[in-house]
Amino acid sequence: MEPRDLDASQMPMTINAKSGATGAGRGISSGHPKCAQAARADGSVFAIDENTPAATVRAMLTIAGGEKVTPP
């Protein structure tokens, strides 16, 4: 749980980006195998699978993009 700002225009839209990937280490990641833990504004926590499509990751980061996303 490290508070930091992410630049969505430059970060990889993958979960747990591998070393050497553009922006690796500056995206959504955690030490959990095959997923990353994320917190919602209501305080609940959920896992985002590493196989989550990039379009879904981007949609989850958008405040008012109108995308339809089914939360995990």
PDB file of N, CA and C in Angstrom:
ATOM      1  N   MET A   1       0.848  -1.168   0.000  1.00  0.00           N
ATOM      2  CA  MET A   1       0.000   0.000   0.000  1.00  0.00           C
ATOM      3  C   MET A   1       0.894   1.232   0.000  1.00  0.00           C
ATOM      4  N   GLU A   2       1.194   1.674  -1.187  1.00  0.00           N
ATOM      5  CA  GLU A   2       2.060   2.836  -1.339  1.00  0.00           C
ATOM      6  C   GLU A   2       1.307   3.912  -2.102  1.00  0.00           C
ATOM      7  N   PRO A   3       0.958   4.998  -1.444  1.00  0.00           N
ATOM      8  CA  PRO A   3       0.282   6.067  -2.193  1.00  0.00           C
ATOM      9  C   PRO A   3       1.245   6.721  -3.184  1.00  0.00           C
ATOM     10  N   ARG A   4       0.818   6.789  -4.423  1.00  0.00           N
ATOM     11  CA  ARG A   4       1.621   7.446  -5.460  1.00  0.00           C
ATOM     12  C   ARG A   4       0.716   7.778  -6.626  1.00  0.00           C
ATOM     13  N   ASP A   5       1.103   8.755  -7.377  1.00  0.00           N
ATOM     14  CA  ASP A   5       0.339   9.134  -8.558  1.00  0.00           C
ATOM     15  C   ASP A   5       0.806   8.307  -9.745  1.00  0.00           C
ATOM     16  N   LEU A   6      -0.136   7.870 -10.542  1.00  0.00           N
ATOM     17  CA  LEU A   6       0.167   7.146 -11.770  1.00  0.00           C
ATOM     18  C   LEU A   6      -0.250   8.004 -12.952  1.00  0.00           C
ATOM     19  N   ASP A   7       0.558   8.020 -13.979  1.00  0.00           N
ATOM     20  CA  ASP A   7       0.229   8.738 -15.204  1.00  0.00           C
ATOM     21  C   ASP A   7      -0.383   7.738 -16.166  1.00  0.00           C
ATOM     22  N   ALA A   8      -1.713   7.743 -16.270  1.00  0.00           N
ATOM     23  CA  ALA A   8      -2.419   6.759 -17.085  1.00  0.00           C
ATOM     24  C   ALA A   8      -2.056   6.854 -18.566  1.00  0.00           C
ATOM     25  N   SER A   9      -1.523   7.977 -19.001  1.00  0.00           N
ATOM     26  CA  SER A   9      -1.140   8.099 -20.409  1.00  0.00           C
ATOM     27  C   SER A   9       0.203   7.428 -20.692  1.00  0.00           C
ATOM     28  N   GLN A  10       0.967   7.087 -19.639  1.00  0.00           N
ATOM     29  CA  GLN A  10       2.284   6.496 -19.838  1.00  0.00           C
ATOM     30  C   GLN A  10       2.452   5.124 -19.192  1.00  0.00           C
ATOM     31  N   MET A  11       1.590   4.773 -18.272  1.00  0.00           N
ATOM     32  CA  MET A  11       1.753   3.503 -17.569  1.00  0.00           C
ATOM     33  C   MET A  11       1.281   2.328 -18.415  1.00  0.00           C
ATOM     34  N   PRO A  12       1.840   1.145 -18.168  1.00  0.00           N
ATOM     35  CA  PRO A  12       1.354  -0.029 -18.897  1.00  0.00           C
ATOM     36  C   PRO A  12      -0.063  -0.374 -18.432  1.00  0.00           C
ATOM     37  N   MET A  13      -0.910  -0.773 -19.348  1.00  0.00           N
ATOM     38  CA  MET A  13      -2.288  -1.137 -19.012  1.00  0.00           C
ATOM     39  C   MET A  13      -2.387  -2.641 -18.765  1.00  0.00           C
ATOM     40  N   THR A  14      -1.359  -3.173 -18.131  1.00  0.00           N
ATOM     41  CA  THR A  14      -1.349  -4.573 -17.733  1.00  0.00           C
ATOM     42  C   THR A  14      -1.169  -4.631 -16.222  1.00  0.00           C
ATOM     43  N   ILE A  15      -1.511  -5.748 -15.646  1.00  0.00           N
ATOM     44  CA  ILE A  15      -1.349  -5.948 -14.211  1.00  0.00           C
ATOM     45  C   ILE A  15      -0.018  -6.658 -13.987  1.00  0.00           C
ATOM     46  N   ASN A  16       0.775  -6.159 -13.033  1.00  0.00           N
ATOM     47  CA  ASN A  16       2.104  -6.714 -12.717  1.00  0.00           C
ATOM     48  C   ASN A  16       2.998  -6.750 -13.954  1.00  0.00           C
ATOM     49  N   ALA A  17       3.157  -5.607 -14.617  1.00  0.00           N
ATOM     50  CA  ALA A  17       4.001  -5.527 -15.822  1.00  0.00           C
ATOM     51  C   ALA A  17       5.385  -6.091 -15.525  1.00  0.00           C
ATOM     52  N   LYS A  18       5.906  -6.849 -16.468  1.00  0.00           N
ATOM     53  CA  LYS A  18       7.218  -7.477 -16.304  1.00  0.00           C
ATOM     54  C   LYS A  18       8.323  -6.441 -16.394  1.00  0.00           C
ATOM     55  N   SER A  19       9.478  -6.729 -15.789  1.00  0.00           N
ATOM     56  CA  SER A  19      10.641  -5.835 -15.859  1.00  0.00           C
ATOM     57  C   SER A  19      11.001  -5.587 -17.311  1.00  0.00           C
ATOM     58  N   GLY A  20      11.366  -4.373 -17.602  1.00  0.00           N
ATOM     59  CA  GLY A  20      11.749  -4.005 -18.953  1.00  0.00           C
ATOM     60  C   GLY A  20      10.595  -3.446 -19.763  1.00  0.00           C
ATOM     61  N   ALA A  21       9.366  -3.648 -19.285  1.00  0.00           N
ATOM     62  CA  ALA A  21       8.219  -3.090 -19.999  1.00  0.00           C
ATOM     63  C   ALA A  21       8.209  -1.586 -19.806  1.00  0.00           C
ATOM     64  N   THR A  22       7.709  -0.876 -20.787  1.00  0.00           N
ATOM     65  CA  THR A  22       7.633   0.581 -20.688  1.00  0.00           C
ATOM     66  C   THR A  22       6.837   0.964 -19.447  1.00  0.00           C
ATOM     67  N   GLY A  23       7.435   1.733 -18.575  1.00  0.00           N
ATOM     68  CA  GLY A  23       6.747   2.177 -17.369  1.00  0.00           C
ATOM     69  C   GLY A  23       6.633   1.116 -16.296  1.00  0.00           C
ATOM     70  N   ALA A  24       7.291  -0.040 -16.476  1.00  0.00           N
ATOM     71  CA  ALA A  24       7.193  -1.109 -15.480  1.00  0.00           C
ATOM     72  C   ALA A  24       7.577  -0.574 -14.114  1.00  0.00           C
ATOM     73  N   GLY A  25       6.849  -0.990 -13.116  1.00  0.00           N
ATOM     74  CA  GLY A  25       7.095  -0.496 -11.777  1.00  0.00           C
ATOM     75  C   GLY A  25       6.303   0.757 -11.480  1.00  0.00           C
ATOM     76  N   ARG A  26       5.656   1.312 -12.491  1.00  0.00           N
ATOM     77  CA  ARG A  26       4.876   2.518 -12.314  1.00  0.00           C
ATOM     78  C   ARG A  26       3.428   2.287 -12.750  1.00  0.00           C
ATOM     79  N   GLY A  27       2.996   1.066 -12.611  1.00  0.00           N
ATOM     80  CA  GLY A  27       1.631   0.729 -12.972  1.00  0.00           C
ATOM     81  C   GLY A  27       0.961   0.003 -11.822  1.00  0.00           C
ATOM     82  N   ILE A  28      -0.070  -0.734 -12.131  1.00  0.00           N
ATOM     83  CA  ILE A  28      -0.805  -1.470 -11.116  1.00  0.00           C
ATOM     84  C   ILE A  28      -0.096  -2.797 -10.892  1.00  0.00           C
ATOM     85  N   SER A  29       0.409  -2.990  -9.681  1.00  0.00           N
ATOM     86  CA  SER A  29       1.136  -4.218  -9.389  1.00  0.00           C
ATOM     87  C   SER A  29       1.107  -4.505  -7.897  1.00  0.00           C
ATOM     88  N   SER A  30       1.421  -5.753  -7.569  1.00  0.00           N
ATOM     89  CA  SER A  30       1.557  -6.146  -6.168  1.00  0.00           C
ATOM     90  C   SER A  30       2.398  -7.399  -6.107  1.00  0.00           C
ATOM     91  N   GLY A  31       2.754  -7.815  -4.921  1.00  0.00           N
ATOM     92  CA  GLY A  31       3.539  -9.024  -4.735  1.00  0.00           C
ATOM     93  C   GLY A  31       2.713 -10.287  -4.787  1.00  0.00           C
ATOM     94  N   HIS A  32       1.428 -10.160  -4.989  1.00  0.00           N
ATOM     95  CA  HIS A  32       0.561 -11.333  -5.058  1.00  0.00           C
ATOM     96  C   HIS A  32       0.740 -12.026  -6.401  1.00  0.00           C
ATOM     97  N   PRO A  33       0.801 -13.365  -6.403  1.00  0.00           N
ATOM     98  CA  PRO A  33       0.970 -14.067  -7.680  1.00  0.00           C
ATOM     99  C   PRO A  33      -0.279 -13.974  -8.549  1.00  0.00           C
ATOM    100  N   LYS A  34      -0.069 -13.604  -9.808  1.00  0.00           N
ATOM    101  CA  LYS A  34      -1.106 -13.590 -10.844  1.00  0.00           C
ATOM    102  C   LYS A  34      -2.235 -12.588 -10.637  1.00  0.00           C
ATOM    103  N   CYS A  35      -2.048 -11.627  -9.733  1.00  0.00           N
ATOM    104  CA  CYS A  35      -3.072 -10.598  -9.538  1.00  0.00           C
ATOM    105  C   CYS A  35      -2.457  -9.407  -8.811  1.00  0.00           C
ATOM    106  N   ALA A  36      -3.221  -8.348  -8.715  1.00  0.00           N
ATOM    107  CA  ALA A  36      -2.839  -7.190  -7.897  1.00  0.00           C
ATOM    108  C   ALA A  36      -4.042  -6.852  -7.033  1.00  0.00           C
ATOM    109  N   GLN A  37      -3.793  -6.477  -5.814  1.00  0.00           N
ATOM    110  CA  GLN A  37      -4.858  -6.062  -4.915  1.00  0.00           C
ATOM    111  C   GLN A  37      -5.123  -4.582  -5.143  1.00  0.00           C
ATOM    112  N   ALA A  38      -6.389  -4.208  -5.141  1.00  0.00           N
ATOM    113  CA  ALA A  38      -6.770  -2.810  -5.348  1.00  0.00           C
ATOM    114  C   ALA A  38      -7.857  -2.444  -4.347  1.00  0.00           C
ATOM    115  N   ALA A  39      -7.896  -1.191  -3.968  1.00  0.00           N
ATOM    116  CA  ALA A  39      -8.908  -0.707  -3.027  1.00  0.00           C
ATOM    117  C   ALA A  39      -9.880   0.212  -3.750  1.00  0.00           C
ATOM    118  N   ARG A  40     -11.121   0.114  -3.351  1.00  0.00           N
ATOM    119  CA  ARG A  40     -12.162   1.003  -3.880  1.00  0.00           C
ATOM    120  C   ARG A  40     -12.355   2.162  -2.914  1.00  0.00           C
ATOM    121  N   ALA A  41     -13.050   3.167  -3.364  1.00  0.00           N
ATOM    122  CA  ALA A  41     -13.284   4.356  -2.534  1.00  0.00           C
ATOM    123  C   ALA A  41     -14.077   4.030  -1.268  1.00  0.00           C
ATOM    124  N   ASP A  42     -14.864   2.945  -1.293  1.00  0.00           N
ATOM    125  CA  ASP A  42     -15.648   2.588  -0.108  1.00  0.00           C
ATOM    126  C   ASP A  42     -14.831   1.786   0.910  1.00  0.00           C
ATOM    127  N   GLY A  43     -13.550   1.543   0.607  1.00  0.00           N
ATOM    128  CA  GLY A  43     -12.672   0.836   1.523  1.00  0.00           C
ATOM    129  C   GLY A  43     -12.581  -0.656   1.263  1.00  0.00           C
ATOM    130  N   SER A  44     -13.408  -1.189   0.375  1.00  0.00           N
ATOM    131  CA  SER A  44     -13.325  -2.619   0.067  1.00  0.00           C
ATOM    132  C   SER A  44     -12.109  -2.884  -0.819  1.00  0.00           C
ATOM    133  N   VAL A  45     -11.609  -4.105  -0.754  1.00  0.00           N
ATOM    134  CA  VAL A  45     -10.421  -4.498  -1.507  1.00  0.00           C
ATOM    135  C   VAL A  45     -10.788  -5.670  -2.408  1.00  0.00           C
ATOM    136  N   PHE A  46     -10.219  -5.685  -3.606  1.00  0.00           N
ATOM    137  CA  PHE A  46     -10.479  -6.783  -4.535  1.00  0.00           C
ATOM    138  C   PHE A  46      -9.215  -7.083  -5.331  1.00  0.00           C
ATOM    139  N   ALA A  47      -9.187  -8.247  -5.964  1.00  0.00           N
ATOM    140  CA  ALA A  47      -8.042  -8.659  -6.773  1.00  0.00           C
ATOM    141  C   ALA A  47      -8.340  -8.413  -8.246  1.00  0.00           C
ATOM    142  N   ILE A  48      -7.334  -7.907  -8.956  1.00  0.00           N
ATOM    143  CA  ILE A  48      -7.424  -7.741 -10.405  1.00  0.00           C
ATOM    144  C   ILE A  48      -6.487  -8.778 -11.016  1.00  0.00           C
ATOM    145  N   ASP A  49      -7.029  -9.690 -11.783  1.00  0.00           N
ATOM    146  CA  ASP A  49      -6.269 -10.770 -12.401  1.00  0.00           C
ATOM    147  C   ASP A  49      -5.283 -10.225 -13.438  1.00  0.00           C
ATOM    148  N   GLU A  50      -4.101 -10.863 -13.535  1.00  0.00           N
ATOM    149  CA  GLU A  50      -3.099 -10.447 -14.525  1.00  0.00           C
ATOM    150  C   GLU A  50      -3.604 -10.566 -15.957  1.00  0.00           C
ATOM    151  N   ASN A  51      -4.610 -11.388 -16.204  1.00  0.00           N
ATOM    152  CA  ASN A  51      -5.132 -11.570 -17.555  1.00  0.00           C
ATOM    153  C   ASN A  51      -6.246 -10.595 -17.909  1.00  0.00           C
ATOM    154  N   THR A  52      -6.464  -9.603 -17.060  1.00  0.00           N
ATOM    155  CA  THR A  52      -7.484  -8.595 -17.344  1.00  0.00           C
ATOM    156  C   THR A  52      -7.081  -7.822 -18.608  1.00  0.00           C
ATOM    157  N   PRO A  53      -7.969  -7.737 -19.595  1.00  0.00           N
ATOM    158  CA  PRO A  53      -7.632  -7.024 -20.830  1.00  0.00           C
ATOM    159  C   PRO A  53      -7.261  -5.551 -20.572  1.00  0.00           C
ATOM    160  N   ALA A  54      -6.350  -5.037 -21.380  1.00  0.00           N
ATOM    161  CA  ALA A  54      -5.888  -3.651 -21.238  1.00  0.00           C
ATOM    162  C   ALA A  54      -7.046  -2.660 -21.303  1.00  0.00           C
ATOM    163  N   ALA A  55      -8.022  -2.912 -22.162  1.00  0.00           N
ATOM    164  CA  ALA A  55      -9.173  -2.006 -22.283  1.00  0.00           C
ATOM    165  C   ALA A  55      -9.971  -1.960 -20.977  1.00  0.00           C
ATOM    166  N   THR A  56     -10.064  -3.084 -20.287  1.00  0.00           N
ATOM    167  CA  THR A  56     -10.784  -3.130 -19.008  1.00  0.00           C
ATOM    168  C   THR A  56     -10.002  -2.383 -17.932  1.00  0.00           C
ATOM    169  N   VAL A  57      -8.679  -2.558 -17.905  1.00  0.00           N
ATOM    170  CA  VAL A  57      -7.842  -1.835 -16.935  1.00  0.00           C
ATOM    171  C   VAL A  57      -8.012  -0.335 -17.154  1.00  0.00           C
ATOM    172  N   ARG A  58      -7.926   0.102 -18.407  1.00  0.00           N
ATOM    173  CA  ARG A  58      -8.074   1.538 -18.716  1.00  0.00           C
ATOM    174  C   ARG A  58      -9.458   2.029 -18.282  1.00  0.00           C
ATOM    175  N   ALA A  59     -10.501   1.256 -18.534  1.00  0.00           N
ATOM    176  CA  ALA A  59     -11.862   1.658 -18.160  1.00  0.00           C
ATOM    177  C   ALA A  59     -12.009   1.783 -16.651  1.00  0.00           C
ATOM    178  N   MET A  60     -11.352   0.901 -15.889  1.00  0.00           N
ATOM    179  CA  MET A  60     -11.433   0.980 -14.425  1.00  0.00           C
ATOM    180  C   MET A  60     -10.743   2.234 -13.877  1.00  0.00           C
ATOM    181  N   LEU A  61      -9.843   2.818 -14.664  1.00  0.00           N
ATOM    182  CA  LEU A  61      -9.125   4.017 -14.229  1.00  0.00           C
ATOM    183  C   LEU A  61      -9.820   5.307 -14.645  1.00  0.00           C
ATOM    184  N   THR A  62     -10.867   5.195 -15.419  1.00  0.00           N
ATOM    185  CA  THR A  62     -11.545   6.364 -15.969  1.00  0.00           C
ATOM    186  C   THR A  62     -12.709   6.782 -15.080  1.00  0.00           C
ATOM    187  N   ILE A  63     -12.759   8.041 -14.721  1.00  0.00           N
ATOM    188  CA  ILE A  63     -13.818   8.513 -13.830  1.00  0.00           C
ATOM    189  C   ILE A  63     -15.153   8.674 -14.540  1.00  0.00           C
ATOM    190  N   ALA A  64     -15.138   9.106 -15.790  1.00  0.00           N
ATOM    191  CA  ALA A  64     -16.401   9.371 -16.465  1.00  0.00           C
ATOM    192  C   ALA A  64     -16.313   9.087 -17.957  1.00  0.00           C
ATOM    193  N   GLY A  65     -15.688   7.962 -18.310  1.00  0.00           N
ATOM    194  CA  GLY A  65     -15.521   7.642 -19.716  1.00  0.00           C
ATOM    195  C   GLY A  65     -16.711   6.942 -20.334  1.00  0.00           C
ATOM    196  N   GLY A  66     -17.660   6.529 -19.494  1.00  0.00           N
ATOM    197  CA  GLY A  66     -18.852   5.878 -19.999  1.00  0.00           C
ATOM    198  C   GLY A  66     -18.688   4.412 -20.333  1.00  0.00           C
ATOM    199  N   GLU A  67     -17.488   3.846 -20.071  1.00  0.00           N
ATOM    200  CA  GLU A  67     -17.269   2.438 -20.361  1.00  0.00           C
ATOM    201  C   GLU A  67     -18.092   1.572 -19.410  1.00  0.00           C
ATOM    202  N   LYS A  68     -18.546   0.437 -19.902  1.00  0.00           N
ATOM    203  CA  LYS A  68     -19.246  -0.537 -19.092  1.00  0.00           C
ATOM    204  C   LYS A  68     -18.227  -1.547 -18.581  1.00  0.00           C
ATOM    205  N   VAL A  69     -18.052  -1.637 -17.272  1.00  0.00           N
ATOM    206  CA  VAL A  69     -17.091  -2.564 -16.680  1.00  0.00           C
ATOM    207  C   VAL A  69     -17.791  -3.363 -15.605  1.00  0.00           C
ATOM    208  N   THR A  70     -17.618  -4.678 -15.651  1.00  0.00           N
ATOM    209  CA  THR A  70     -18.132  -5.531 -14.587  1.00  0.00           C
ATOM    210  C   THR A  70     -17.009  -5.710 -13.577  1.00  0.00           C
ATOM    211  N   PRO A  71     -17.180  -5.179 -12.362  1.00  0.00           N
ATOM    212  CA  PRO A  71     -16.100  -5.280 -11.374  1.00  0.00           C
ATOM    213  C   PRO A  71     -15.858  -6.713 -10.931  1.00  0.00           C
ATOM    214  N   PRO A  72     -14.608  -7.013 -10.616  1.00  0.00           N
ATOM    215  CA  PRO A  72     -14.290  -8.364 -10.124  1.00  0.00           C
ATOM    216  C   PRO A  72     -14.986  -8.632  -8.791  1.00  0.00           C
TER     217      PRO A  72
END
